[in-house]
């Protein structure tokens, strides 16, 4: 069994694979909307390597964190635009 860490996702505690990039972990949890564009369109990871910036979320109060470039760690607080 692989090791997991606990994150707080939009107020709910979730277990995700230790060392996984946050974007991959969130997609694995079924999240499909990471943020909303200025035109109201749902946005989620596209490139997976930090270029497109569609995967931005809030981590521990820090805005616009690229989730595809951020490893999961125990206790991190993640906020998305998912309703």
PDB file of N, CA and C in Angstrom:
ATOM      1  N   UNK A   1       0.850  -1.188   0.000  1.00  0.00           N
ATOM      2  CA  UNK A   1       0.000   0.000   0.000  1.00  0.00           C
ATOM      3  C   UNK A   1       0.894   1.250   0.000  1.00  0.00           C
ATOM      4  N   UNK A   2       0.552   2.213  -0.818  1.00  0.00           N
ATOM      5  CA  UNK A   2       1.369   3.418  -0.898  1.00  0.00           C
ATOM      6  C   UNK A   2       1.074   4.360   0.268  1.00  0.00           C
ATOM      7  N   UNK A   3       2.054   5.154   0.603  1.00  0.00           N
ATOM      8  CA  UNK A   3       1.939   6.111   1.699  1.00  0.00           C
ATOM      9  C   UNK A   3       1.061   7.279   1.277  1.00  0.00           C
ATOM     10  N   UNK A   4       0.289   7.801   2.224  1.00  0.00           N
ATOM     11  CA  UNK A   4      -0.570   8.950   1.941  1.00  0.00           C
ATOM     12  C   UNK A   4      -0.292  10.077   2.928  1.00  0.00           C
ATOM     13  N   UNK A   5      -0.737  11.277   2.542  1.00  0.00           N
ATOM     14  CA  UNK A   5      -0.718  12.437   3.424  1.00  0.00           C
ATOM     15  C   UNK A   5      -2.129  13.004   3.437  1.00  0.00           C
ATOM     16  N   UNK A   6      -2.440  13.769   4.458  1.00  0.00           N
ATOM     17  CA  UNK A   6      -3.758  14.402   4.560  1.00  0.00           C
ATOM     18  C   UNK A   6      -3.653  15.861   4.134  1.00  0.00           C
ATOM     19  N   UNK A   7      -4.577  16.270   3.266  1.00  0.00           N
ATOM     20  CA  UNK A   7      -4.694  17.680   2.902  1.00  0.00           C
ATOM     21  C   UNK A   7      -6.113  18.123   3.245  1.00  0.00           C
ATOM     22  N   UNK A   8      -6.297  19.431   3.361  1.00  0.00           N
ATOM     23  CA  UNK A   8      -7.634  19.985   3.572  1.00  0.00           C
ATOM     24  C   UNK A   8      -8.028  20.623   2.248  1.00  0.00           C
ATOM     25  N   UNK A   9      -9.009  20.033   1.576  1.00  0.00           N
ATOM     26  CA  UNK A   9      -9.461  20.501   0.273  1.00  0.00           C
ATOM     27  C   UNK A   9     -10.823  21.150   0.421  1.00  0.00           C
ATOM     28  N   UNK A  10     -10.882  22.452   0.224  1.00  0.00           N
ATOM     29  CA  UNK A  10     -12.142  23.203   0.342  1.00  0.00           C
ATOM     30  C   UNK A  10     -12.869  22.879   1.645  1.00  0.00           C
ATOM     31  N   UNK A  11     -12.070  22.750   2.724  1.00  0.00           N
ATOM     32  CA  UNK A  11     -12.631  22.537   4.057  1.00  0.00           C
ATOM     33  C   UNK A  11     -12.794  21.084   4.464  1.00  0.00           C
ATOM     34  N   UNK A  12     -12.575  20.132   3.551  1.00  0.00           N
ATOM     35  CA  UNK A  12     -12.727  18.706   3.856  1.00  0.00           C
ATOM     36  C   UNK A  12     -11.369  18.014   3.856  1.00  0.00           C
ATOM     37  N   UNK A  13     -11.133  17.194   4.865  1.00  0.00           N
ATOM     38  CA  UNK A  13      -9.880  16.448   4.925  1.00  0.00           C
ATOM     39  C   UNK A  13      -9.914  15.302   3.921  1.00  0.00           C
ATOM     40  N   UNK A  14      -8.836  15.158   3.138  1.00  0.00           N
ATOM     41  CA  UNK A  14      -8.743  14.101   2.136  1.00  0.00           C
ATOM     42  C   UNK A  14      -7.360  13.466   2.212  1.00  0.00           C
ATOM     43  N   UNK A  15      -7.274  12.188   1.925  1.00  0.00           N
ATOM     44  CA  UNK A  15      -5.993  11.481   1.850  1.00  0.00           C
ATOM     45  C   UNK A  15      -5.567  11.421   0.389  1.00  0.00           C
ATOM     46  N   UNK A  16      -4.317  11.779   0.136  1.00  0.00           N
ATOM     47  CA  UNK A  16      -3.759  11.762  -1.224  1.00  0.00           C
ATOM     48  C   UNK A  16      -2.388  11.094  -1.177  1.00  0.00           C
ATOM     49  N   UNK A  17      -1.896  10.616  -2.326  1.00  0.00           N
ATOM     50  CA  UNK A  17      -0.582   9.963  -2.324  1.00  0.00           C
ATOM     51  C   UNK A  17       0.539  10.919  -1.905  1.00  0.00           C
ATOM     52  N   UNK A  18       1.382  10.458  -1.011  1.00  0.00           N
ATOM     53  CA  UNK A  18       2.528  11.251  -0.576  1.00  0.00           C
ATOM     54  C   UNK A  18       3.449  11.479  -1.758  1.00  0.00           C
ATOM     55  N   UNK A  19       3.923  12.707  -1.932  1.00  0.00           N
ATOM     56  CA  UNK A  19       4.847  13.046  -2.988  1.00  0.00           C
ATOM     57  C   UNK A  19       4.220  13.328  -4.340  1.00  0.00           C
ATOM     58  N   UNK A  20       2.919  13.100  -4.472  1.00  0.00           N
ATOM     59  CA  UNK A  20       2.246  13.382  -5.743  1.00  0.00           C
ATOM     60  C   UNK A  20       2.157  14.885  -5.950  1.00  0.00           C
ATOM     61  N   UNK A  21       2.179  15.304  -7.211  1.00  0.00           N
ATOM     62  CA  UNK A  21       1.928  16.708  -7.504  1.00  0.00           C
ATOM     63  C   UNK A  21       0.463  16.983  -7.164  1.00  0.00           C
ATOM     64  N   UNK A  22       0.199  18.154  -6.629  1.00  0.00           N
ATOM     65  CA  UNK A  22      -1.133  18.499  -6.165  1.00  0.00           C
ATOM     66  C   UNK A  22      -2.180  18.363  -7.285  1.00  0.00           C
ATOM     67  N   UNK A  23      -1.866  18.803  -8.495  1.00  0.00           N
ATOM     68  CA  UNK A  23      -2.827  18.707  -9.599  1.00  0.00           C
ATOM     69  C   UNK A  23      -3.240  17.261  -9.835  1.00  0.00           C
ATOM     70  N   UNK A  24      -2.272  16.337  -9.863  1.00  0.00           N
ATOM     71  CA  UNK A  24      -2.574  14.923 -10.080  1.00  0.00           C
ATOM     72  C   UNK A  24      -3.429  14.371  -8.949  1.00  0.00           C
ATOM     73  N   UNK A  25      -3.109  14.757  -7.711  1.00  0.00           N
ATOM     74  CA  UNK A  25      -3.877  14.289  -6.562  1.00  0.00           C
ATOM     75  C   UNK A  25      -5.319  14.795  -6.625  1.00  0.00           C
ATOM     76  N   UNK A  26      -5.504  16.066  -6.986  1.00  0.00           N
ATOM     77  CA  UNK A  26      -6.853  16.630  -7.064  1.00  0.00           C
ATOM     78  C   UNK A  26      -7.660  15.983  -8.186  1.00  0.00           C
ATOM     79  N   UNK A  27      -7.030  15.751  -9.321  1.00  0.00           N
ATOM     80  CA  UNK A  27      -7.717  15.048 -10.409  1.00  0.00           C
ATOM     81  C   UNK A  27      -8.094  13.636  -9.971  1.00  0.00           C
ATOM     82  N   UNK A  28      -7.205  12.984  -9.230  1.00  0.00           N
ATOM     83  CA  UNK A  28      -7.481  11.649  -8.703  1.00  0.00           C
ATOM     84  C   UNK A  28      -8.650  11.613  -7.734  1.00  0.00           C
ATOM     85  N   UNK A  29      -8.897  12.739  -7.081  1.00  0.00           N
ATOM     86  CA  UNK A  29     -10.050  12.846  -6.176  1.00  0.00           C
ATOM     87  C   UNK A  29     -11.334  13.192  -6.926  1.00  0.00           C
ATOM     88  N   UNK A  30     -11.233  13.373  -8.232  1.00  0.00           N
ATOM     89  CA  UNK A  30     -12.411  13.676  -9.041  1.00  0.00           C
ATOM     90  C   UNK A  30     -12.679  15.145  -9.274  1.00  0.00           C
ATOM     91  N   UNK A  31     -11.766  16.000  -8.837  1.00  0.00           N
ATOM     92  CA  UNK A  31     -11.946  17.445  -9.023  1.00  0.00           C
ATOM     93  C   UNK A  31     -11.823  17.793 -10.501  1.00  0.00           C
ATOM     94  N   UNK A  32     -12.744  18.574 -11.012  1.00  0.00           N
ATOM     95  CA  UNK A  32     -12.717  18.934 -12.425  1.00  0.00           C
ATOM     96  C   UNK A  32     -12.664  20.441 -12.659  1.00  0.00           C
ATOM     97  N   UNK A  33     -12.839  21.245 -11.629  1.00  0.00           N
ATOM     98  CA  UNK A  33     -12.759  22.706 -11.745  1.00  0.00           C
ATOM     99  C   UNK A  33     -11.787  23.202 -10.684  1.00  0.00           C
ATOM    100  N   UNK A  34     -10.637  23.685 -11.137  1.00  0.00           N
ATOM    101  CA  UNK A  34      -9.648  24.214 -10.215  1.00  0.00           C
ATOM    102  C   UNK A  34      -9.871  25.700  -9.996  1.00  0.00           C
ATOM    103  N   UNK A  35     -10.258  26.392 -11.053  1.00  0.00           N
ATOM    104  CA  UNK A  35     -10.526  27.830 -10.970  1.00  0.00           C
ATOM    105  C   UNK A  35     -11.527  28.189 -12.059  1.00  0.00           C
ATOM    106  N   UNK A  36     -11.947  29.451 -12.065  1.00  0.00           N
ATOM    107  CA  UNK A  36     -12.891  29.956 -13.055  1.00  0.00           C
ATOM    108  C   UNK A  36     -12.237  31.115 -13.795  1.00  0.00           C
ATOM    109  N   UNK A  37     -12.350  31.116 -15.129  1.00  0.00           N
ATOM    110  CA  UNK A  37     -11.762  32.198 -15.918  1.00  0.00           C
ATOM    111  C   UNK A  37     -12.535  33.496 -15.697  1.00  0.00           C
ATOM    112  N   UNK A  38     -12.007  34.592 -16.200  1.00  0.00           N
ATOM    113  CA  UNK A  38     -12.685  35.882 -16.066  1.00  0.00           C
ATOM    114  C   UNK A  38     -14.019  35.886 -16.813  1.00  0.00           C
ATOM    115  N   UNK A  39     -14.204  34.940 -17.741  1.00  0.00           N
ATOM    116  CA  UNK A  39     -15.457  34.831 -18.489  1.00  0.00           C
ATOM    117  C   UNK A  39     -16.390  33.773 -17.907  1.00  0.00           C
ATOM    118  N   UNK A  40     -16.014  33.195 -16.750  1.00  0.00           N
ATOM    119  CA  UNK A  40     -16.855  32.219 -16.079  1.00  0.00           C
ATOM    120  C   UNK A  40     -16.662  30.783 -16.533  1.00  0.00           C
ATOM    121  N   UNK A  41     -15.634  30.527 -17.335  1.00  0.00           N
ATOM    122  CA  UNK A  41     -15.368  29.176 -17.832  1.00  0.00           C
ATOM    123  C   UNK A  41     -14.593  28.370 -16.782  1.00  0.00           C
ATOM    124  N   UNK A  42     -14.940  27.100 -16.604  1.00  0.00           N
ATOM    125  CA  UNK A  42     -14.166  26.267 -15.677  1.00  0.00           C
ATOM    126  C   UNK A  42     -12.769  26.001 -16.234  1.00  0.00           C
ATOM    127  N   UNK A  43     -11.779  25.998 -15.362  1.00  0.00           N
ATOM    128  CA  UNK A  43     -10.391  25.751 -15.763  1.00  0.00           C
ATOM    129  C   UNK A  43      -9.798  24.646 -14.895  1.00  0.00           C
ATOM    130  N   UNK A  44      -8.932  23.838 -15.510  1.00  0.00           N
ATOM    131  CA  UNK A  44      -8.244  22.738 -14.832  1.00  0.00           C
ATOM    132  C   UNK A  44      -6.905  22.535 -15.538  1.00  0.00           C
ATOM    133  N   UNK A  45      -6.046  21.665 -15.015  1.00  0.00           N
ATOM    134  CA  UNK A  45      -4.732  21.467 -15.624  1.00  0.00           C
ATOM    135  C   UNK A  45      -4.825  21.131 -17.107  1.00  0.00           C
ATOM    136  N   UNK A  46      -3.915  21.706 -17.854  1.00  0.00           N
ATOM    137  CA  UNK A  46      -3.852  21.460 -19.293  1.00  0.00           C
ATOM    138  C   UNK A  46      -2.477  20.897 -19.670  1.00  0.00           C
ATOM    139  N   UNK A  47      -1.417  21.609 -19.318  1.00  0.00           N
ATOM    140  CA  UNK A  47      -0.085  21.191 -19.769  1.00  0.00           C
ATOM    141  C   UNK A  47       0.617  20.267 -18.780  1.00  0.00           C
ATOM    142  N   UNK A  48       0.355  20.408 -17.491  1.00  0.00           N
ATOM    143  CA  UNK A  48       0.986  19.571 -16.484  1.00  0.00           C
ATOM    144  C   UNK A  48       2.443  19.893 -16.201  1.00  0.00           C
ATOM    145  N   UNK A  49       2.936  21.037 -16.716  1.00  0.00           N
ATOM    146  CA  UNK A  49       4.335  21.389 -16.466  1.00  0.00           C
ATOM    147  C   UNK A  49       4.534  22.858 -16.134  1.00  0.00           C
ATOM    148  N   UNK A  50       3.470  23.549 -15.689  1.00  0.00           N
ATOM    149  CA  UNK A  50       3.596  24.904 -15.176  1.00  0.00           C
ATOM    150  C   UNK A  50       3.532  26.029 -16.178  1.00  0.00           C
ATOM    151  N   UNK A  51       3.335  25.714 -17.458  1.00  0.00           N
ATOM    152  CA  UNK A  51       3.344  26.749 -18.484  1.00  0.00           C
ATOM    153  C   UNK A  51       1.972  27.416 -18.639  1.00  0.00           C
ATOM    154  N   UNK A  52       0.912  26.633 -18.716  1.00  0.00           N
ATOM    155  CA  UNK A  52      -0.416  27.191 -19.031  1.00  0.00           C
ATOM    156  C   UNK A  52      -1.042  27.935 -17.854  1.00  0.00           C
ATOM    157  N   UNK A  53      -0.698  27.568 -16.650  1.00  0.00           N
ATOM    158  CA  UNK A  53      -1.206  28.177 -15.418  1.00  0.00           C
ATOM    159  C   UNK A  53      -2.713  28.028 -15.228  1.00  0.00           C
ATOM    160  N   UNK A  54      -3.316  27.064 -15.904  1.00  0.00           N
ATOM    161  CA  UNK A  54      -4.747  26.803 -15.731  1.00  0.00           C
ATOM    162  C   UNK A  54      -5.045  26.061 -14.437  1.00  0.00           C
ATOM    163  N   UNK A  55      -4.022  25.523 -13.797  1.00  0.00           N
ATOM    164  CA  UNK A  55      -4.212  24.699 -12.600  1.00  0.00           C
ATOM    165  C   UNK A  55      -4.057  25.493 -11.300  1.00  0.00           C
ATOM    166  N   UNK A  56      -4.070  26.806 -11.379  1.00  0.00           N
ATOM    167  CA  UNK A  56      -3.817  27.626 -10.183  1.00  0.00           C
ATOM    168  C   UNK A  56      -4.886  27.430  -9.111  1.00  0.00           C
ATOM    169  N   UNK A  57      -4.428  27.299  -7.879  1.00  0.00           N
ATOM    170  CA  UNK A  57      -5.284  27.164  -6.703  1.00  0.00           C
ATOM    171  C   UNK A  57      -4.700  28.014  -5.579  1.00  0.00           C
ATOM    172  N   UNK A  58      -5.390  28.070  -4.467  1.00  0.00           N
ATOM    173  CA  UNK A  58      -4.876  28.739  -3.273  1.00  0.00           C
ATOM    174  C   UNK A  58      -4.358  27.666  -2.320  1.00  0.00           C
ATOM    175  N   UNK A  59      -3.113  27.808  -1.884  1.00  0.00           N
ATOM    176  CA  UNK A  59      -2.498  26.848  -0.962  1.00  0.00           C
ATOM    177  C   UNK A  59      -2.039  27.598   0.279  1.00  0.00           C
ATOM    178  N   UNK A  60      -2.572  27.196   1.417  1.00  0.00           N
ATOM    179  CA  UNK A  60      -2.216  27.818   2.698  1.00  0.00           C
ATOM    180  C   UNK A  60      -2.340  29.339   2.637  1.00  0.00           C
ATOM    181  N   UNK A  61      -3.387  29.821   1.960  1.00  0.00           N
ATOM    182  CA  UNK A  61      -3.655  31.252   1.869  1.00  0.00           C
ATOM    183  C   UNK A  61      -2.904  31.970   0.768  1.00  0.00           C
ATOM    184  N   UNK A  62      -2.002  31.287   0.093  1.00  0.00           N
ATOM    185  CA  UNK A  62      -1.216  31.890  -0.997  1.00  0.00           C
ATOM    186  C   UNK A  62      -1.959  31.694  -2.315  1.00  0.00           C
ATOM    187  N   UNK A  63      -2.301  32.795  -2.970  1.00  0.00           N
ATOM    188  CA  UNK A  63      -3.068  32.752  -4.211  1.00  0.00           C
ATOM    189  C   UNK A  63      -2.214  32.338  -5.402  1.00  0.00           C
ATOM    190  N   UNK A  64      -2.866  31.804  -6.421  1.00  0.00           N
ATOM    191  CA  UNK A  64      -2.270  31.528  -7.740  1.00  0.00           C
ATOM    192  C   UNK A  64      -1.088  30.566  -7.710  1.00  0.00           C
ATOM    193  N   UNK A  65      -1.187  29.546  -6.876  1.00  0.00           N
ATOM    194  CA  UNK A  65      -0.151  28.517  -6.813  1.00  0.00           C
ATOM    195  C   UNK A  65      -0.406  27.516  -7.945  1.00  0.00           C
ATOM    196  N   UNK A  66       0.620  27.222  -8.739  1.00  0.00           N
ATOM    197  CA  UNK A  66       0.483  26.230  -9.812  1.00  0.00           C
ATOM    198  C   UNK A  66       0.497  24.836  -9.185  1.00  0.00           C
ATOM    199  N   UNK A  67      -0.663  24.192  -9.189  1.00  0.00           N
ATOM    200  CA  UNK A  67      -0.791  22.898  -8.513  1.00  0.00           C
ATOM    201  C   UNK A  67       0.004  21.791  -9.191  1.00  0.00           C
ATOM    202  N   UNK A  68       0.280  21.931 -10.481  1.00  0.00           N
ATOM    203  CA  UNK A  68       1.056  20.891 -11.174  1.00  0.00           C
ATOM    204  C   UNK A  68       2.528  20.928 -10.795  1.00  0.00           C
ATOM    205  N   UNK A  69       2.955  21.982 -10.137  1.00  0.00           N
ATOM    206  CA  UNK A  69       4.355  22.143  -9.732  1.00  0.00           C
ATOM    207  C   UNK A  69       4.527  22.068  -8.211  1.00  0.00           C
ATOM    208  N   UNK A  70       3.457  21.706  -7.504  1.00  0.00           N
ATOM    209  CA  UNK A  70       3.464  21.729  -6.039  1.00  0.00           C
ATOM    210  C   UNK A  70       3.245  20.322  -5.481  1.00  0.00           C
ATOM    211  N   UNK A  71       4.246  19.751  -4.802  1.00  0.00           N
ATOM    212  CA  UNK A  71       4.061  18.427  -4.210  1.00  0.00           C
ATOM    213  C   UNK A  71       3.118  18.490  -3.010  1.00  0.00           C
ATOM    214  N   UNK A  72       2.335  17.444  -2.847  1.00  0.00           N
ATOM    215  CA  UNK A  72       1.433  17.355  -1.687  1.00  0.00           C
ATOM    216  C   UNK A  72       2.262  17.168  -0.428  1.00  0.00           C
ATOM    217  N   UNK A  73       1.829  17.809   0.641  1.00  0.00           N
ATOM    218  CA  UNK A  73       2.475  17.627   1.935  1.00  0.00           C
ATOM    219  C   UNK A  73       1.399  17.584   3.013  1.00  0.00           C
ATOM    220  N   UNK A  74       1.733  16.970   4.093  1.00  0.00           N
ATOM    221  CA  UNK A  74       0.804  16.784   5.203  1.00  0.00           C
ATOM    222  C   UNK A  74       0.241  18.126   5.684  1.00  0.00           C
ATOM    223  N   UNK A  75      -1.090  18.207   5.775  1.00  0.00           N
ATOM    224  CA  UNK A  75      -1.764  19.353   6.363  1.00  0.00           C
ATOM    225  C   UNK A  75      -1.942  20.559   5.473  1.00  0.00           C
ATOM    226  N   UNK A  76      -1.509  20.503   4.216  1.00  0.00           N
ATOM    227  CA  UNK A  76      -1.671  21.687   3.360  1.00  0.00           C
ATOM    228  C   UNK A  76      -3.153  21.973   3.150  1.00  0.00           C
ATOM    229  N   UNK A  77      -3.477  23.261   3.113  1.00  0.00           N
ATOM    230  CA  UNK A  77      -4.857  23.713   2.904  1.00  0.00           C
ATOM    231  C   UNK A  77      -4.989  24.208   1.473  1.00  0.00           C
ATOM    232  N   UNK A  78      -5.905  23.594   0.739  1.00  0.00           N
ATOM    233  CA  UNK A  78      -6.076  23.896  -0.683  1.00  0.00           C
ATOM    234  C   UNK A  78      -7.502  24.381  -0.923  1.00  0.00           C
ATOM    235  N   UNK A  79      -7.605  25.486  -1.638  1.00  0.00           N
ATOM    236  CA  UNK A  79      -8.924  26.013  -1.998  1.00  0.00           C
ATOM    237  C   UNK A  79      -9.001  26.145  -3.513  1.00  0.00           C
ATOM    238  N   UNK A  80     -10.117  25.685  -4.067  1.00  0.00           N
ATOM    239  CA  UNK A  80     -10.362  25.787  -5.508  1.00  0.00           C
ATOM    240  C   UNK A  80     -11.695  26.502  -5.719  1.00  0.00           C
ATOM    241  N   UNK A  81     -12.064  26.681  -6.984  1.00  0.00           N
ATOM    242  CA  UNK A  81     -13.366  27.276  -7.318  1.00  0.00           C
ATOM    243  C   UNK A  81     -14.449  26.215  -7.499  1.00  0.00           C
ATOM    244  N   UNK A  82     -14.136  24.944  -7.213  1.00  0.00           N
ATOM    245  CA  UNK A  82     -15.122  23.873  -7.364  1.00  0.00           C
ATOM    246  C   UNK A  82     -16.326  24.172  -6.478  1.00  0.00           C
ATOM    247  N   UNK A  83     -17.521  24.149  -7.074  1.00  0.00           N
ATOM    248  CA  UNK A  83     -18.716  24.463  -6.262  1.00  0.00           C
ATOM    249  C   UNK A  83     -19.019  23.392  -5.222  1.00  0.00           C
TER     250      UNK A  83
END
